[in-house]
Structures are given as C-alpha cells and as structure tokens.
C-alpha cells in the first residue's frame, strides 16, 4: 500500500467506498460480509474509508 501525508497523518492512496455496505440502494449486504470487506482492506494496509452517500 502506498501512502500520502495530510497534515502529518499517513493516509492510504487507495480508499474504500462503503456506502453500499449500508444496504441503502445496493441490495442486502450481510453484516459478516461487510466486516470481512473492512477487515481485508485494513489487513492490506488501507486506512482511508469513505462513508459518504454521494
């Protein structure tokens, strides 16, 4: 994972969009599946998680 620094904070260049994990308009995502996605991203070194809906 590559990182950049913003105001002294190390942020991964790759972000994970998570709006679809909330089941709003994307169908049902089971809780264990959502946590598996988040864990895989974090285990890969990711720390930029986008929760915005638009």
PDB file of N, CA and C in Angstrom:
ATOM      1  N   UNK A   1       0.849  -1.167   0.000  1.00  0.00           N
ATOM      2  CA  UNK A   1       0.000   0.000   0.000  1.00  0.00           C
ATOM      3  C   UNK A   1       0.899   1.235   0.000  1.00  0.00           C
ATOM      4  N   UNK A   2       0.549   2.179  -0.836  1.00  0.00           N
ATOM      5  CA  UNK A   2       1.249   3.455  -0.854  1.00  0.00           C
ATOM      6  C   UNK A   2       0.456   4.444  -0.010  1.00  0.00           C
ATOM      7  N   UNK A   3       1.186   5.388   0.577  1.00  0.00           N
ATOM      8  CA  UNK A   3       0.569   6.353   1.462  1.00  0.00           C
ATOM      9  C   UNK A   3       0.986   7.771   1.082  1.00  0.00           C
ATOM     10  N   UNK A   4       0.173   8.696   1.498  1.00  0.00           N
ATOM     11  CA  UNK A   4       0.492  10.121   1.411  1.00  0.00           C
ATOM     12  C   UNK A   4       0.252  10.709   2.785  1.00  0.00           C
ATOM     13  N   UNK A   5       0.837  11.865   3.006  1.00  0.00           N
ATOM     14  CA  UNK A   5       0.670  12.532   4.292  1.00  0.00           C
ATOM     15  C   UNK A   5      -0.179  13.774   4.122  1.00  0.00           C
ATOM     16  N   UNK A   6      -1.152  13.933   5.018  1.00  0.00           N
ATOM     17  CA  UNK A   6      -2.004  15.107   5.027  1.00  0.00           C
ATOM     18  C   UNK A   6      -2.012  15.640   6.455  1.00  0.00           C
ATOM     19  N   UNK A   7      -1.444  16.818   6.616  1.00  0.00           N
ATOM     20  CA  UNK A   7      -1.339  17.442   7.945  1.00  0.00           C
ATOM     21  C   UNK A   7      -0.715  16.490   8.955  1.00  0.00           C
ATOM     22  N   UNK A   8       0.312  15.764   8.520  1.00  0.00           N
ATOM     23  CA  UNK A   8       1.046  14.865   9.392  1.00  0.00           C
ATOM     24  C   UNK A   8       0.409  13.499   9.601  1.00  0.00           C
ATOM     25  N   UNK A   9      -0.708  13.230   8.935  1.00  0.00           N
ATOM     26  CA  UNK A   9      -1.387  11.945   9.086  1.00  0.00           C
ATOM     27  C   UNK A   9      -1.123  11.090   7.850  1.00  0.00           C
ATOM     28  N   UNK A  10      -0.701   9.846   8.061  1.00  0.00           N
ATOM     29  CA  UNK A  10      -0.421   8.915   6.965  1.00  0.00           C
ATOM     30  C   UNK A  10      -1.728   8.303   6.478  1.00  0.00           C
ATOM     31  N   UNK A  11      -2.076   8.550   5.212  1.00  0.00           N
ATOM     32  CA  UNK A  11      -3.341   8.086   4.643  1.00  0.00           C
ATOM     33  C   UNK A  11      -3.046   7.238   3.409  1.00  0.00           C
ATOM     34  N   UNK A  12      -3.735   6.113   3.301  1.00  0.00           N
ATOM     35  CA  UNK A  12      -3.523   5.237   2.151  1.00  0.00           C
ATOM     36  C   UNK A  12      -4.024   5.913   0.875  1.00  0.00           C
ATOM     37  N   UNK A  13      -3.290   5.702  -0.224  1.00  0.00           N
ATOM     38  CA  UNK A  13      -3.687   6.279  -1.512  1.00  0.00           C
ATOM     39  C   UNK A  13      -4.958   5.627  -2.045  1.00  0.00           C
ATOM     40  N   UNK A  14      -5.192   4.388  -1.669  1.00  0.00           N
ATOM     41  CA  UNK A  14      -6.398   3.678  -2.093  1.00  0.00           C
ATOM     42  C   UNK A  14      -7.429   3.797  -0.979  1.00  0.00           C
ATOM     43  N   UNK A  15      -8.628   4.226  -1.356  1.00  0.00           N
ATOM     44  CA  UNK A  15      -9.710   4.334  -0.388  1.00  0.00           C
ATOM     45  C   UNK A  15     -10.769   3.279  -0.647  1.00  0.00           C
ATOM     46  N   UNK A  16     -11.541   2.993   0.379  1.00  0.00           N
ATOM     47  CA  UNK A  16     -12.636   2.030   0.266  1.00  0.00           C
ATOM     48  C   UNK A  16     -13.951   2.777   0.423  1.00  0.00           C
ATOM     49  N   UNK A  17     -14.772   2.749  -0.620  1.00  0.00           N
ATOM     50  CA  UNK A  17     -16.109   3.325  -0.544  1.00  0.00           C
ATOM     51  C   UNK A  17     -17.046   2.331   0.114  1.00  0.00           C
ATOM     52  N   UNK A  18     -17.732   2.762   1.155  1.00  0.00           N
ATOM     53  CA  UNK A  18     -18.521   1.810   1.939  1.00  0.00           C
ATOM     54  C   UNK A  18     -20.019   2.088   1.931  1.00  0.00           C
ATOM     55  N   UNK A  19     -20.481   3.006   1.115  1.00  0.00           N
ATOM     56  CA  UNK A  19     -21.905   3.318   1.117  1.00  0.00           C
ATOM     57  C   UNK A  19     -22.737   2.074   0.820  1.00  0.00           C
ATOM     58  N   UNK A  20     -22.278   1.251  -0.091  1.00  0.00           N
ATOM     59  CA  UNK A  20     -23.024   0.053  -0.469  1.00  0.00           C
ATOM     60  C   UNK A  20     -23.111  -0.965   0.672  1.00  0.00           C
ATOM     61  N   UNK A  21     -22.293  -0.830   1.687  1.00  0.00           N
ATOM     62  CA  UNK A  21     -22.354  -1.767   2.808  1.00  0.00           C
ATOM     63  C   UNK A  21     -23.530  -1.466   3.727  1.00  0.00           C
ATOM     64  N   UNK A  22     -24.128  -0.298   3.583  1.00  0.00           N
ATOM     65  CA  UNK A  22     -25.238   0.084   4.438  1.00  0.00           C
ATOM     66  C   UNK A  22     -26.596  -0.335   3.924  1.00  0.00           C
ATOM     67  N   UNK A  23     -26.653  -1.041   2.822  1.00  0.00           N
ATOM     68  CA  UNK A  23     -27.897  -1.587   2.270  1.00  0.00           C
ATOM     69  C   UNK A  23     -28.882  -0.528   1.776  1.00  0.00           C
ATOM     70  N   UNK A  24     -28.456   0.691   1.543  1.00  0.00           N
ATOM     71  CA  UNK A  24     -29.386   1.753   1.142  1.00  0.00           C
ATOM     72  C   UNK A  24     -30.036   1.445  -0.205  1.00  0.00           C
ATOM     73  N   UNK A  25     -29.276   1.440  -1.262  1.00  0.00           N
ATOM     74  CA  UNK A  25     -29.811   1.225  -2.604  1.00  0.00           C
ATOM     75  C   UNK A  25     -29.100   0.104  -3.348  1.00  0.00           C
ATOM     76  N   UNK A  26     -28.280  -0.647  -2.655  1.00  0.00           N
ATOM     77  CA  UNK A  26     -27.420  -1.616  -3.335  1.00  0.00           C
ATOM     78  C   UNK A  26     -27.817  -3.054  -3.043  1.00  0.00           C
ATOM     79  N   UNK A  27     -28.923  -3.265  -2.380  1.00  0.00           N
ATOM     80  CA  UNK A  27     -29.291  -4.620  -2.008  1.00  0.00           C
ATOM     81  C   UNK A  27     -28.770  -4.942  -0.622  1.00  0.00           C
ATOM     82  N   UNK A  28     -28.996  -6.139  -0.202  1.00  0.00           N
ATOM     83  CA  UNK A  28     -28.637  -6.545   1.150  1.00  0.00           C
ATOM     84  C   UNK A  28     -27.195  -7.050   1.188  1.00  0.00           C
ATOM     85  N   UNK A  29     -26.428  -6.482   2.097  1.00  0.00           N
ATOM     86  CA  UNK A  29     -25.076  -6.967   2.377  1.00  0.00           C
ATOM     87  C   UNK A  29     -25.092  -7.419   3.833  1.00  0.00           C
ATOM     88  N   UNK A  30     -24.873  -8.682   4.062  1.00  0.00           N
ATOM     89  CA  UNK A  30     -24.902  -9.229   5.416  1.00  0.00           C
ATOM     90  C   UNK A  30     -23.777  -8.630   6.251  1.00  0.00           C
ATOM     91  N   UNK A  31     -24.028  -8.500   7.534  1.00  0.00           N
ATOM     92  CA  UNK A  31     -23.050  -7.904   8.440  1.00  0.00           C
ATOM     93  C   UNK A  31     -21.701  -8.583   8.407  1.00  0.00           C
ATOM     94  N   UNK A  32     -21.692  -9.921   8.380  1.00  0.00           N
ATOM     95  CA  UNK A  32     -20.411 -10.637   8.362  1.00  0.00           C
ATOM     96  C   UNK A  32     -19.654 -10.389   7.057  1.00  0.00           C
ATOM     97  N   UNK A  33     -20.380 -10.199   5.947  1.00  0.00           N
ATOM     98  CA  UNK A  33     -19.729  -9.892   4.669  1.00  0.00           C
ATOM     99  C   UNK A  33     -19.130  -8.489   4.705  1.00  0.00           C
ATOM    100  N   UNK A  34     -19.870  -7.542   5.273  1.00  0.00           N
ATOM    101  CA  UNK A  34     -19.368  -6.172   5.380  1.00  0.00           C
ATOM    102  C   UNK A  34     -18.107  -6.130   6.237  1.00  0.00           C
ATOM    103  N   UNK A  35     -18.121  -6.818   7.368  1.00  0.00           N
ATOM    104  CA  UNK A  35     -16.937  -6.838   8.231  1.00  0.00           C
ATOM    105  C   UNK A  35     -15.766  -7.528   7.552  1.00  0.00           C
ATOM    106  N   UNK A  36     -16.019  -8.546   6.744  1.00  0.00           N
ATOM    107  CA  UNK A  36     -14.943  -9.220   6.001  1.00  0.00           C
ATOM    108  C   UNK A  36     -14.285  -8.272   5.006  1.00  0.00           C
ATOM    109  N   UNK A  37     -15.105  -7.458   4.330  1.00  0.00           N
ATOM    110  CA  UNK A  37     -14.572  -6.473   3.386  1.00  0.00           C
ATOM    111  C   UNK A  37     -13.710  -5.447   4.121  1.00  0.00           C
ATOM    112  N   UNK A  38     -14.236  -4.924   5.219  1.00  0.00           N
ATOM    113  CA  UNK A  38     -13.485  -3.929   6.005  1.00  0.00           C
ATOM    114  C   UNK A  38     -12.186  -4.511   6.550  1.00  0.00           C
ATOM    115  N   UNK A  39     -12.241  -5.743   7.046  1.00  0.00           N
ATOM    116  CA  UNK A  39     -11.041  -6.382   7.592  1.00  0.00           C
ATOM    117  C   UNK A  39      -9.996  -6.612   6.511  1.00  0.00           C
ATOM    118  N   UNK A  40     -10.416  -7.077   5.345  1.00  0.00           N
ATOM    119  CA  UNK A  40      -9.474  -7.314   4.246  1.00  0.00           C
ATOM    120  C   UNK A  40      -8.800  -6.012   3.835  1.00  0.00           C
ATOM    121  N   UNK A  41      -9.566  -4.933   3.790  1.00  0.00           N
ATOM    122  CA  UNK A  41      -8.997  -3.633   3.434  1.00  0.00           C
ATOM    123  C   UNK A  41      -7.985  -3.186   4.493  1.00  0.00           C
ATOM    124  N   UNK A  42      -8.355  -3.283   5.749  1.00  0.00           N
ATOM    125  CA  UNK A  42      -7.441  -2.884   6.827  1.00  0.00           C
ATOM    126  C   UNK A  42      -6.208  -3.780   6.869  1.00  0.00           C
ATOM    127  N   UNK A  43      -6.386  -5.072   6.667  1.00  0.00           N
ATOM    128  CA  UNK A  43      -5.249  -6.000   6.664  1.00  0.00           C
ATOM    129  C   UNK A  43      -4.288  -5.716   5.512  1.00  0.00           C
ATOM    130  N   UNK A  44      -4.805  -5.104   4.441  1.00  0.00           N
ATOM    131  CA  UNK A  44      -3.958  -4.739   3.299  1.00  0.00           C
ATOM    132  C   UNK A  44      -3.242  -3.410   3.513  1.00  0.00           C
ATOM    133  N   UNK A  45      -3.531  -2.771   4.644  1.00  0.00           N
ATOM    134  CA  UNK A  45      -2.864  -1.510   4.960  1.00  0.00           C
ATOM    135  C   UNK A  45      -3.712  -0.282   4.688  1.00  0.00           C
ATOM    136  N   UNK A  46      -4.938  -0.479   4.237  1.00  0.00           N
ATOM    137  CA  UNK A  46      -5.802   0.655   3.944  1.00  0.00           C
ATOM    138  C   UNK A  46      -6.332   1.306   5.205  1.00  0.00           C
ATOM    139  N   UNK A  47      -6.417   2.629   5.170  1.00  0.00           N
ATOM    140  CA  UNK A  47      -6.980   3.344   6.313  1.00  0.00           C
ATOM    141  C   UNK A  47      -7.847   4.538   5.882  1.00  0.00           C
ATOM    142  N   UNK A  48      -8.125   4.640   4.593  1.00  0.00           N
ATOM    143  CA  UNK A  48      -8.971   5.717   4.059  1.00  0.00           C
ATOM    144  C   UNK A  48     -10.319   5.090   3.686  1.00  0.00           C
ATOM    145  N   UNK A  49     -11.304   5.280   4.546  1.00  0.00           N
ATOM    146  CA  UNK A  49     -12.618   4.688   4.349  1.00  0.00           C
ATOM    147  C   UNK A  49     -13.622   5.822   4.120  1.00  0.00           C
ATOM    148  N   UNK A  50     -14.256   5.788   2.971  1.00  0.00           N
ATOM    149  CA  UNK A  50     -15.215   6.822   2.578  1.00  0.00           C
ATOM    150  C   UNK A  50     -16.616   6.318   2.880  1.00  0.00           C
ATOM    151  N   UNK A  51     -17.348   7.053   3.714  1.00  0.00           N
ATOM    152  CA  UNK A  51     -18.702   6.638   4.096  1.00  0.00           C
ATOM    153  C   UNK A  51     -19.779   7.554   3.502  1.00  0.00           C
ATOM    154  N   UNK A  52     -19.394   8.483   2.641  1.00  0.00           N
ATOM    155  CA  UNK A  52     -20.381   9.417   2.086  1.00  0.00           C
ATOM    156  C   UNK A  52     -21.342   8.703   1.147  1.00  0.00           C
ATOM    157  N   UNK A  53     -22.549   9.256   1.032  1.00  0.00           N
ATOM    158  CA  UNK A  53     -23.554   8.619   0.179  1.00  0.00           C
ATOM    159  C   UNK A  53     -23.576   9.177  -1.230  1.00  0.00           C
ATOM    160  N   UNK A  54     -22.889  10.258  -1.477  1.00  0.00           N
ATOM    161  CA  UNK A  54     -22.817  10.819  -2.833  1.00  0.00           C
ATOM    162  C   UNK A  54     -21.436  11.375  -3.090  1.00  0.00           C
TER     163      UNK A  54
END
